[in-house]
Amino acid sequence: MWWVGKRGTGSSRDSRDSRGLRGLRGGHAASRTAIAYASDGAVRLALGGVTQVASVVDGREAALAALAAGLRELPRGTRLRIAVGGAVCRPFLLPEIDGAAGDAEWPAIAAALVEDATGLPPGSPVWLDGGQTSPRLAVAIDAAWLRGIEALGGRALDSIKPWWALAIDASTPSPFSAGLHGLAVADSEMLVLLLADGERYRVAQTYPLEGEAPQAVLSRALVTHDWPDEAVRLIEFDAGALPGQPVSDPLPFSKAIPRASDPSSSKERAA
């Protein structure tokens, strides 16, 4: 599977293009697996728990060039896992549509809604989460980005996943449980907001940061959705990372992850 949702049982069987995002394959020692982050504004590359590349970039071509330069310096035989930002890979919820005949029609419906729902170009590959049927959760990735990453990674590429999905995996305890909960993931350019009522997603949207503090963008979004601030955990990308620094654990390239049980976390974010 190419990404893991809140239940740990995401599915890509509804993919409209089976050549798309790659599922993680096992069997490779962690020390010989490089971890990368790529998006419109930043590139990171780490090996052996240490940051090798920390670049500020402007756009896809510059990002892919910076990533390619870093990959050329890796030891021969190194495997590669790549996380992409919310500018590249975005979640969205499909509206309930009267008359939809069943699962066979939803991939086409999702593909038709990509541009309006996410702002990504028409033709962006779309995957449907298999764990929630109403509303359906979909994820789209920019096709040009996908082609560029697959071309760079080649046979060494083990996986391509959205960084926000890694943030879900790294959150302990799960940000999705009984009642109103949520997770906001601020990467190098976007805030990805996932809100759930119990086990059901109610909101899956992205918001451009445009240089603004993630907490300010999040606060406005929560007001729009009439959602309690204290029920949402914010995870942030470490924009100030430098080569030679240790990679954060359990979420690479992040600031410290607040725990849902920590009552001071929301106050610290607002300070």
C-alpha atoms as a PDB file:
ATOM      1  CA  MET A   1       0.000   0.000   0.000  1.00  0.00           C
ATOM      2  CA  TRP A   2       1.345   3.459  -0.785  1.00  0.00           C
ATOM      3  CA  TRP A   3       0.104   5.287   2.269  1.00  0.00           C
ATOM      4  CA  VAL A   4      -1.400   4.467   5.609  1.00  0.00           C
ATOM      5  CA  GLY A   5      -4.494   6.274   6.827  1.00  0.00           C
ATOM      6  CA  LYS A   6      -5.765   6.627  10.347  1.00  0.00           C
ATOM      7  CA  ARG A   7      -6.859   2.996  10.482  1.00  0.00           C
ATOM      8  CA  GLY A   8      -3.630   1.636   9.070  1.00  0.00           C
ATOM      9  CA  THR A   9      -5.559  -0.073   6.280  1.00  0.00           C
ATOM     10  CA  GLY A  10      -5.488   2.310   3.342  1.00  0.00           C
ATOM     11  CA  SER A  11      -6.042   0.833  -0.086  1.00  0.00           C
ATOM     12  CA  SER A  12      -4.821   1.746  -3.541  1.00  0.00           C
ATOM     13  CA  ARG A  13      -6.891  -0.856  -5.362  1.00  0.00           C
ATOM     14  CA  ASP A  14      -9.098   1.908  -6.741  1.00  0.00           C
ATOM     15  CA  SER A  15      -6.129   3.590  -8.422  1.00  0.00           C
ATOM     16  CA  ARG A  16      -6.781   4.883 -11.888  1.00  0.00           C
ATOM     17  CA  ASP A  17      -3.148   4.205 -12.809  1.00  0.00           C
ATOM     18  CA  SER A  18      -1.400   1.221 -11.246  1.00  0.00           C
ATOM     19  CA  ARG A  19       1.983   2.589 -12.285  1.00  0.00           C
ATOM     20  CA  GLY A  20       1.609   5.430  -9.768  1.00  0.00           C
ATOM     21  CA  LEU A  21       2.743   5.643  -6.149  1.00  0.00           C
ATOM     22  CA  ARG A  22       4.900   2.770  -5.017  1.00  0.00           C
ATOM     23  CA  GLY A  23       4.196   0.736  -1.900  1.00  0.00           C
ATOM     24  CA  LEU A  24       6.993   0.316   0.617  1.00  0.00           C
ATOM     25  CA  ARG A  25       8.970  -2.872   0.141  1.00  0.00           C
ATOM     26  CA  GLY A  26      10.867  -4.443   3.024  1.00  0.00           C
ATOM     27  CA  GLY A  27      14.195  -6.225   3.147  1.00  0.00           C
ATOM     28  CA  HIS A  28      16.611  -3.283   3.161  1.00  0.00           C
ATOM     29  CA  ALA A  29      18.714  -2.239   6.134  1.00  0.00           C
ATOM     30  CA  ALA A  30      17.755   1.182   7.460  1.00  0.00           C
ATOM     31  CA  SER A  31      21.370   2.390   7.269  1.00  0.00           C
ATOM     32  CA  ARG A  32      21.383   1.804   3.518  1.00  0.00           C
ATOM     33  CA  THR A  33      18.050   3.505   2.913  1.00  0.00           C
ATOM     34  CA  ALA A  34      18.027   7.249   2.245  1.00  0.00           C
ATOM     35  CA  ILE A  35      14.979   9.289   3.176  1.00  0.00           C
ATOM     36  CA  ALA A  36      14.070  12.366   1.145  1.00  0.00           C
ATOM     37  CA  TYR A  37      11.499  15.140   1.240  1.00  0.00           C
ATOM     38  CA  ALA A  38      10.628  17.096  -1.892  1.00  0.00           C
ATOM     39  CA  SER A  39       8.182  19.879  -2.594  1.00  0.00           C
ATOM     40  CA  ASP A  40       7.971  23.222  -4.366  1.00  0.00           C
ATOM     41  CA  GLY A  41       9.889  25.093  -1.672  1.00  0.00           C
ATOM     42  CA  ALA A  42      12.266  22.655  -0.006  1.00  0.00           C
ATOM     43  CA  VAL A  43      14.318  19.499  -0.483  1.00  0.00           C
ATOM     44  CA  ARG A  44      15.741  17.293   2.258  1.00  0.00           C
ATOM     45  CA  LEU A  45      17.850  14.158   2.037  1.00  0.00           C
ATOM     46  CA  ALA A  46      19.071  12.036   4.933  1.00  0.00           C
ATOM     47  CA  LEU A  47      21.121   8.876   5.250  1.00  0.00           C
ATOM     48  CA  GLY A  48      22.079   7.000   8.393  1.00  0.00           C
ATOM     49  CA  GLY A  49      20.025   9.329  10.554  1.00  0.00           C
ATOM     50  CA  VAL A  50      21.900  12.447   9.433  1.00  0.00           C
ATOM     51  CA  THR A  51      20.689  15.220   7.123  1.00  0.00           C
ATOM     52  CA  GLN A  52      22.788  15.315   3.946  1.00  0.00           C
ATOM     53  CA  VAL A  53      20.896  17.950   1.947  1.00  0.00           C
ATOM     54  CA  ALA A  54      18.745  20.834   3.222  1.00  0.00           C
ATOM     55  CA  SER A  55      17.892  23.139   0.326  1.00  0.00           C
ATOM     56  CA  VAL A  56      15.447  25.970  -0.217  1.00  0.00           C
ATOM     57  CA  VAL A  57      14.145  25.812  -3.797  1.00  0.00           C
ATOM     58  CA  ASP A  58      11.628  27.538  -6.018  1.00  0.00           C
ATOM     59  CA  GLY A  59       9.406  25.203  -7.977  1.00  0.00           C
ATOM     60  CA  ARG A  60       9.411  21.648  -9.249  1.00  0.00           C
ATOM     61  CA  GLU A  61      12.347  21.815 -11.632  1.00  0.00           C
ATOM     62  CA  ALA A  62      14.641  23.368  -9.028  1.00  0.00           C
ATOM     63  CA  ALA A  63      13.499  20.838  -6.444  1.00  0.00           C
ATOM     64  CA  LEU A  64      14.124  17.857  -8.713  1.00  0.00           C
ATOM     65  CA  ALA A  65      17.550  19.246  -9.658  1.00  0.00           C
ATOM     66  CA  ALA A  66      18.510  19.646  -5.992  1.00  0.00           C
ATOM     67  CA  LEU A  67      17.278  16.145  -5.227  1.00  0.00           C
ATOM     68  CA  ALA A  68      19.179  14.688  -8.192  1.00  0.00           C
ATOM     69  CA  ALA A  69      22.405  16.351  -7.021  1.00  0.00           C
ATOM     70  CA  GLY A  70      21.981  14.849  -3.559  1.00  0.00           C
ATOM     71  CA  LEU A  71      21.205  11.386  -4.892  1.00  0.00           C
ATOM     72  CA  ARG A  72      24.405  11.367  -6.945  1.00  0.00           C
ATOM     73  CA  GLU A  73      26.400  11.591  -3.707  1.00  0.00           C
ATOM     74  CA  LEU A  74      24.808   8.532  -2.109  1.00  0.00           C
ATOM     75  CA  PRO A  75      26.747   5.264  -1.860  1.00  0.00           C
ATOM     76  CA  ARG A  76      26.076   2.756  -4.581  1.00  0.00           C
ATOM     77  CA  GLY A  77      23.199   0.414  -3.748  1.00  0.00           C
ATOM     78  CA  THR A  78      21.394   2.834  -1.426  1.00  0.00           C
ATOM     79  CA  ARG A  79      17.626   2.432  -1.412  1.00  0.00           C
ATOM     80  CA  LEU A  80      15.364   5.486  -1.456  1.00  0.00           C
ATOM     81  CA  ARG A  81      12.133   6.515   0.227  1.00  0.00           C
ATOM     82  CA  ILE A  82      10.647   9.861  -0.796  1.00  0.00           C
ATOM     83  CA  ALA A  83       8.048  11.943   1.017  1.00  0.00           C
ATOM     84  CA  VAL A  84       6.351  14.767  -0.870  1.00  0.00           C
ATOM     85  CA  GLY A  85       4.725  17.932   0.433  1.00  0.00           C
ATOM     86  CA  GLY A  86       1.096  18.957   0.374  1.00  0.00           C
ATOM     87  CA  ALA A  87       1.733  21.110  -2.682  1.00  0.00           C
ATOM     88  CA  VAL A  88       2.428  17.864  -4.558  1.00  0.00           C
ATOM     89  CA  CYS A  89       0.027  15.346  -3.018  1.00  0.00           C
ATOM     90  CA  ARG A  90      -3.321  16.469  -1.605  1.00  0.00           C
ATOM     91  CA  PRO A  91      -6.280  14.747   0.084  1.00  0.00           C
ATOM     92  CA  PHE A  92      -9.896  15.637  -0.554  1.00  0.00           C
ATOM     93  CA  LEU A  93     -13.358  14.301   0.194  1.00  0.00           C
ATOM     94  CA  LEU A  94     -15.753  13.327  -2.553  1.00  0.00           C
ATOM     95  CA  PRO A  95     -19.291  14.685  -2.287  1.00  0.00           C
ATOM     96  CA  GLU A  96     -22.173  12.286  -1.991  1.00  0.00           C
ATOM     97  CA  ILE A  97     -23.579  11.916  -5.503  1.00  0.00           C
ATOM     98  CA  ASP A  98     -27.038  10.569  -6.190  1.00  0.00           C
ATOM     99  CA  GLY A  99     -27.131   7.851  -8.785  1.00  0.00           C
ATOM    100  CA  ALA A 100     -23.496   6.675  -8.472  1.00  0.00           C
ATOM    101  CA  ALA A 101     -23.703   3.024  -9.486  1.00  0.00           C
ATOM    102  CA  GLY A 102     -20.985   1.710  -7.180  1.00  0.00           C
ATOM    103  CA  ASP A 103     -17.262   1.397  -6.636  1.00  0.00           C
ATOM    104  CA  ALA A 104     -16.523   1.178 -10.361  1.00  0.00           C
ATOM    105  CA  GLU A 105     -17.667   4.766 -10.969  1.00  0.00           C
ATOM    106  CA  TRP A 106     -15.879   6.501  -8.083  1.00  0.00           C
ATOM    107  CA  PRO A 107     -12.368   6.641  -9.626  1.00  0.00           C
ATOM    108  CA  ALA A 108     -13.746   8.513 -12.656  1.00  0.00           C
ATOM    109  CA  ILE A 109     -15.754  10.841 -10.405  1.00  0.00           C
ATOM    110  CA  ALA A 110     -12.669  11.568  -8.309  1.00  0.00           C
ATOM    111  CA  ALA A 111     -10.550  12.232 -11.398  1.00  0.00           C
ATOM    112  CA  ALA A 112     -13.123  14.712 -12.707  1.00  0.00           C
ATOM    113  CA  LEU A 113     -13.104  16.621  -9.407  1.00  0.00           C
ATOM    114  CA  VAL A 114      -9.337  16.847  -8.868  1.00  0.00           C
ATOM    115  CA  GLU A 115      -8.767  20.329 -10.285  1.00  0.00           C
ATOM    116  CA  ASP A 116     -11.651  21.993  -8.440  1.00  0.00           C
ATOM    117  CA  ALA A 117     -11.123  20.085  -5.203  1.00  0.00           C
ATOM    118  CA  THR A 118      -7.333  20.372  -4.904  1.00  0.00           C
ATOM    119  CA  GLY A 119      -6.003  22.881  -7.422  1.00  0.00           C
ATOM    120  CA  LEU A 120      -3.777  20.197  -8.962  1.00  0.00           C
ATOM    121  CA  PRO A 121      -3.693  19.920 -12.773  1.00  0.00           C
ATOM    122  CA  PRO A 122      -6.317  17.862 -14.607  1.00  0.00           C
ATOM    123  CA  GLY A 123      -5.084  14.339 -15.195  1.00  0.00           C
ATOM    124  CA  SER A 124      -3.369  14.067 -11.814  1.00  0.00           C
ATOM    125  CA  PRO A 125      -3.479  10.411 -10.667  1.00  0.00           C
ATOM    126  CA  VAL A 126      -6.051   9.761  -7.943  1.00  0.00           C
ATOM    127  CA  TRP A 127      -6.341   7.048  -5.304  1.00  0.00           C
ATOM    128  CA  LEU A 128      -9.329   6.246  -3.109  1.00  0.00           C
ATOM    129  CA  ASP A 129      -9.055   5.194   0.512  1.00  0.00           C
ATOM    130  CA  GLY A 130     -10.679   1.819   0.997  1.00  0.00           C
ATOM    131  CA  GLY A 131     -11.591   2.360   4.650  1.00  0.00           C
ATOM    132  CA  GLN A 132     -14.313   4.993   4.346  1.00  0.00           C
ATOM    133  CA  THR A 133     -17.216   4.894   1.911  1.00  0.00           C
ATOM    134  CA  SER A 134     -19.162   8.043   2.828  1.00  0.00           C
ATOM    135  CA  PRO A 135     -17.798  10.538   2.186  1.00  0.00           C
ATOM    136  CA  ARG A 136     -15.065   8.911   0.113  1.00  0.00           C
ATOM    137  CA  LEU A 137     -11.539  10.070   0.892  1.00  0.00           C
ATOM    138  CA  ALA A 138      -9.385  10.583  -2.201  1.00  0.00           C
ATOM    139  CA  VAL A 139      -5.746  11.557  -2.670  1.00  0.00           C
ATOM    140  CA  ALA A 140      -4.271  13.122  -5.799  1.00  0.00           C
ATOM    141  CA  ILE A 141      -0.657  13.662  -6.813  1.00  0.00           C
ATOM    142  CA  ASP A 142       0.722  16.039  -9.428  1.00  0.00           C
ATOM    143  CA  ALA A 143       1.556  13.880 -12.456  1.00  0.00           C
ATOM    144  CA  ALA A 144       4.645  15.881 -13.475  1.00  0.00           C
ATOM    145  CA  TRP A 145       6.072  15.528  -9.982  1.00  0.00           C
ATOM    146  CA  LEU A 146       5.368  11.804  -9.970  1.00  0.00           C
ATOM    147  CA  ARG A 147       7.108  11.286 -13.301  1.00  0.00           C
ATOM    148  CA  GLY A 148      10.109  13.326 -12.176  1.00  0.00           C
ATOM    149  CA  ILE A 149      10.544  11.454  -8.903  1.00  0.00           C
ATOM    150  CA  GLU A 150      10.174   8.036 -10.512  1.00  0.00           C
ATOM    151  CA  ALA A 151      12.724   8.984 -13.156  1.00  0.00           C
ATOM    152  CA  LEU A 152      15.231  10.085 -10.499  1.00  0.00           C
ATOM    153  CA  GLY A 153      14.679   7.143  -8.178  1.00  0.00           C
ATOM    154  CA  GLY A 154      14.632   4.413 -10.779  1.00  0.00           C
ATOM    155  CA  ARG A 155      14.991   0.914  -9.383  1.00  0.00           C
ATOM    156  CA  ALA A 156      16.347   2.236  -6.086  1.00  0.00           C
ATOM    157  CA  LEU A 157      12.994   3.839  -5.267  1.00  0.00           C
ATOM    158  CA  ASP A 158      11.119   1.948  -2.547  1.00  0.00           C
ATOM    159  CA  SER A 159       8.264   4.362  -1.888  1.00  0.00           C
ATOM    160  CA  ILE A 160       6.676   7.729  -2.581  1.00  0.00           C
ATOM    161  CA  LYS A 161       4.335   8.949   0.159  1.00  0.00           C
ATOM    162  CA  PRO A 162       2.864  12.281   1.211  1.00  0.00           C
ATOM    163  CA  TRP A 163       4.687  13.702   4.227  1.00  0.00           C
ATOM    164  CA  TRP A 164       1.351  14.291   5.916  1.00  0.00           C
ATOM    165  CA  ALA A 165       0.613  10.551   5.732  1.00  0.00           C
ATOM    166  CA  LEU A 166       3.928   9.853   7.476  1.00  0.00           C
ATOM    167  CA  ALA A 167       2.809  12.341  10.128  1.00  0.00           C
ATOM    168  CA  ILE A 168      -0.349  10.282  10.708  1.00  0.00           C
ATOM    169  CA  ASP A 169       1.777   7.164  11.157  1.00  0.00           C
ATOM    170  CA  ALA A 170       4.141   8.948  13.558  1.00  0.00           C
ATOM    171  CA  SER A 171       1.409  10.366  15.789  1.00  0.00           C
ATOM    172  CA  THR A 172       1.087   8.546  19.117  1.00  0.00           C
ATOM    173  CA  PRO A 173      -1.546   8.104  20.335  1.00  0.00           C
ATOM    174  CA  SER A 174      -3.599   8.245  17.161  1.00  0.00           C
ATOM    175  CA  PRO A 175      -5.064  11.687  16.456  1.00  0.00           C
ATOM    176  CA  PHE A 176      -8.231   9.922  15.306  1.00  0.00           C
ATOM    177  CA  SER A 177     -10.332   8.312  18.023  1.00  0.00           C
ATOM    178  CA  ALA A 178     -13.727   8.840  19.655  1.00  0.00           C
ATOM    179  CA  GLY A 179     -15.317  12.257  19.305  1.00  0.00           C
ATOM    180  CA  LEU A 180     -14.055  15.239  17.332  1.00  0.00           C
ATOM    181  CA  HIS A 181     -10.355  15.032  16.593  1.00  0.00           C
ATOM    182  CA  GLY A 182      -7.949  16.072  13.927  1.00  0.00           C
ATOM    183  CA  LEU A 183      -4.433  16.486  12.648  1.00  0.00           C
ATOM    184  CA  ALA A 184      -2.914  19.515  10.946  1.00  0.00           C
ATOM    185  CA  VAL A 185       0.382  18.994   9.131  1.00  0.00           C
ATOM    186  CA  ALA A 186       2.347  22.081   8.105  1.00  0.00           C
ATOM    187  CA  ASP A 187       5.100  21.265   5.630  1.00  0.00           C
ATOM    188  CA  SER A 188       7.302  23.625   3.638  1.00  0.00           C
ATOM    189  CA  GLU A 189       4.416  25.304   1.771  1.00  0.00           C
ATOM    190  CA  MET A 190       1.053  23.875   2.795  1.00  0.00           C
ATOM    191  CA  LEU A 191      -1.100  23.110   5.787  1.00  0.00           C
ATOM    192  CA  VAL A 192      -2.895  19.791   5.340  1.00  0.00           C
ATOM    193  CA  LEU A 193      -5.938  19.566   7.590  1.00  0.00           C
ATOM    194  CA  LEU A 194      -7.658  16.275   8.401  1.00  0.00           C
ATOM    195  CA  LEU A 195     -10.638  16.386  10.766  1.00  0.00           C
ATOM    196  CA  ALA A 196     -12.606  13.359  11.885  1.00  0.00           C
ATOM    197  CA  ASP A 197     -15.646  12.562  13.950  1.00  0.00           C
ATOM    198  CA  GLY A 198     -14.685   9.265  15.518  1.00  0.00           C
ATOM    199  CA  GLU A 199     -13.410   7.053  12.711  1.00  0.00           C
ATOM    200  CA  ARG A 200     -14.891   9.111   9.879  1.00  0.00           C
ATOM    201  CA  TYR A 201     -13.120  11.943   8.073  1.00  0.00           C
ATOM    202  CA  ARG A 202     -15.228  15.098   7.871  1.00  0.00           C
ATOM    203  CA  VAL A 203     -12.625  17.487   6.425  1.00  0.00           C
ATOM    204  CA  ALA A 204      -9.606  16.843   4.179  1.00  0.00           C
ATOM    205  CA  GLN A 205      -8.218  20.091   2.792  1.00  0.00           C
ATOM    206  CA  THR A 206      -4.984  21.918   2.060  1.00  0.00           C
ATOM    207  CA  TYR A 207      -4.231  25.575   2.756  1.00  0.00           C
ATOM    208  CA  PRO A 208      -1.223  27.501   1.387  1.00  0.00           C
ATOM    209  CA  LEU A 209       0.969  28.949   4.124  1.00  0.00           C
ATOM    210  CA  GLU A 210       2.401  31.740   1.966  1.00  0.00           C
ATOM    211  CA  GLY A 211       4.928  32.648   4.637  1.00  0.00           C
ATOM    212  CA  GLU A 212       2.365  32.869   7.425  1.00  0.00           C
ATOM    213  CA  ALA A 213       2.705  31.044  10.751  1.00  0.00           C
ATOM    214  CA  PRO A 214       1.030  27.610  10.544  1.00  0.00           C
ATOM    215  CA  GLN A 215      -0.910  28.199  13.760  1.00  0.00           C
ATOM    216  CA  ALA A 216      -2.533  31.340  12.321  1.00  0.00           C
ATOM    217  CA  VAL A 217      -3.597  29.503   9.153  1.00  0.00           C
ATOM    218  CA  LEU A 218      -4.877  26.601  11.229  1.00  0.00           C
ATOM    219  CA  SER A 219      -6.870  28.834  13.581  1.00  0.00           C
ATOM    220  CA  ARG A 220      -8.729  30.472  10.678  1.00  0.00           C
ATOM    221  CA  ALA A 221      -9.448  27.094   9.100  1.00  0.00           C
ATOM    222  CA  LEU A 222     -10.879  25.723  12.341  1.00  0.00           C
ATOM    223  CA  VAL A 223     -13.147  28.738  12.705  1.00  0.00           C
ATOM    224  CA  THR A 224     -14.418  28.099   9.171  1.00  0.00           C
ATOM    225  CA  HIS A 225     -15.194  24.480  10.037  1.00  0.00           C
ATOM    226  CA  ASP A 226     -16.536  25.322  13.523  1.00  0.00           C
ATOM    227  CA  TRP A 227     -14.057  22.849  15.022  1.00  0.00           C
ATOM    228  CA  PRO A 228     -12.521  23.064  18.532  1.00  0.00           C
ATOM    229  CA  ASP A 229      -8.859  24.076  18.465  1.00  0.00           C
ATOM    230  CA  GLU A 230      -7.948  21.856  21.407  1.00  0.00           C
ATOM    231  CA  ALA A 231      -9.038  18.756  19.471  1.00  0.00           C
ATOM    232  CA  VAL A 232      -6.453  19.265  16.704  1.00  0.00           C
ATOM    233  CA  ARG A 233      -2.764  18.432  16.886  1.00  0.00           C
ATOM    234  CA  LEU A 234      -0.329  20.491  14.790  1.00  0.00           C
ATOM    235  CA  ILE A 235       2.831  18.921  13.358  1.00  0.00           C
ATOM    236  CA  GLU A 236       5.362  21.176  11.651  1.00  0.00           C
ATOM    237  CA  PHE A 237       8.154  20.768   9.120  1.00  0.00           C
ATOM    238  CA  ASP A 238      11.568  21.890  10.381  1.00  0.00           C
ATOM    239  CA  ALA A 239      12.311  24.654   7.897  1.00  0.00           C
ATOM    240  CA  GLY A 240      15.579  25.573   9.636  1.00  0.00           C
ATOM    241  CA  ALA A 241      17.296  22.191   9.358  1.00  0.00           C
ATOM    242  CA  LEU A 242      20.931  22.166   8.219  1.00  0.00           C
ATOM    243  CA  PRO A 243      23.192  19.487   6.725  1.00  0.00           C
ATOM    244  CA  GLY A 244      24.853  17.431   9.438  1.00  0.00           C
ATOM    245  CA  GLN A 245      21.931  17.609  11.839  1.00  0.00           C
ATOM    246  CA  PRO A 246      20.300  14.399  13.104  1.00  0.00           C
ATOM    247  CA  VAL A 247      17.023  13.449  11.445  1.00  0.00           C
ATOM    248  CA  SER A 248      14.037  13.788  13.744  1.00  0.00           C
ATOM    249  CA  ASP A 249      12.368  10.603  14.924  1.00  0.00           C
ATOM    250  CA  PRO A 250       9.761   9.206  14.360  1.00  0.00           C
ATOM    251  CA  LEU A 251       8.889  11.719  11.605  1.00  0.00           C
ATOM    252  CA  PRO A 252      11.866  12.742   9.446  1.00  0.00           C
ATOM    253  CA  PHE A 253      12.439  16.481   8.912  1.00  0.00           C
ATOM    254  CA  SER A 254       9.868  17.551  11.506  1.00  0.00           C
ATOM    255  CA  LYS A 255       9.906  19.604  14.653  1.00  0.00           C
ATOM    256  CA  ALA A 256       9.028  17.786  17.873  1.00  0.00           C
ATOM    257  CA  ILE A 257       5.630  16.081  17.593  1.00  0.00           C
ATOM    258  CA  PRO A 258       3.177  17.127  20.322  1.00  0.00           C
ATOM    259  CA  ARG A 259       1.227  14.341  21.993  1.00  0.00           C
ATOM    260  CA  ALA A 260      -2.537  14.557  22.180  1.00  0.00           C
ATOM    261  CA  SER A 261      -2.309  13.963  25.922  1.00  0.00           C
ATOM    262  CA  ASP A 262      -0.050  17.000  26.422  1.00  0.00           C
ATOM    263  CA  PRO A 263      -2.331  19.828  27.616  1.00  0.00           C
ATOM    264  CA  SER A 264       0.340  22.442  26.977  1.00  0.00           C
ATOM    265  CA  SER A 265       0.804  21.665  23.282  1.00  0.00           C
ATOM    266  CA  SER A 266      -1.885  24.009  21.974  1.00  0.00           C
ATOM    267  CA  LYS A 267      -0.710  26.797  24.253  1.00  0.00           C
ATOM    268  CA  GLU A 268       2.886  26.377  23.110  1.00  0.00           C
ATOM    269  CA  ARG A 269       1.795  26.554  19.468  1.00  0.00           C
ATOM    270  CA  ALA A 270      -0.099  29.763  20.036  1.00  0.00           C
ATOM    271  CA  ALA A 271       2.760  31.429  21.923  1.00  0.00           C
END
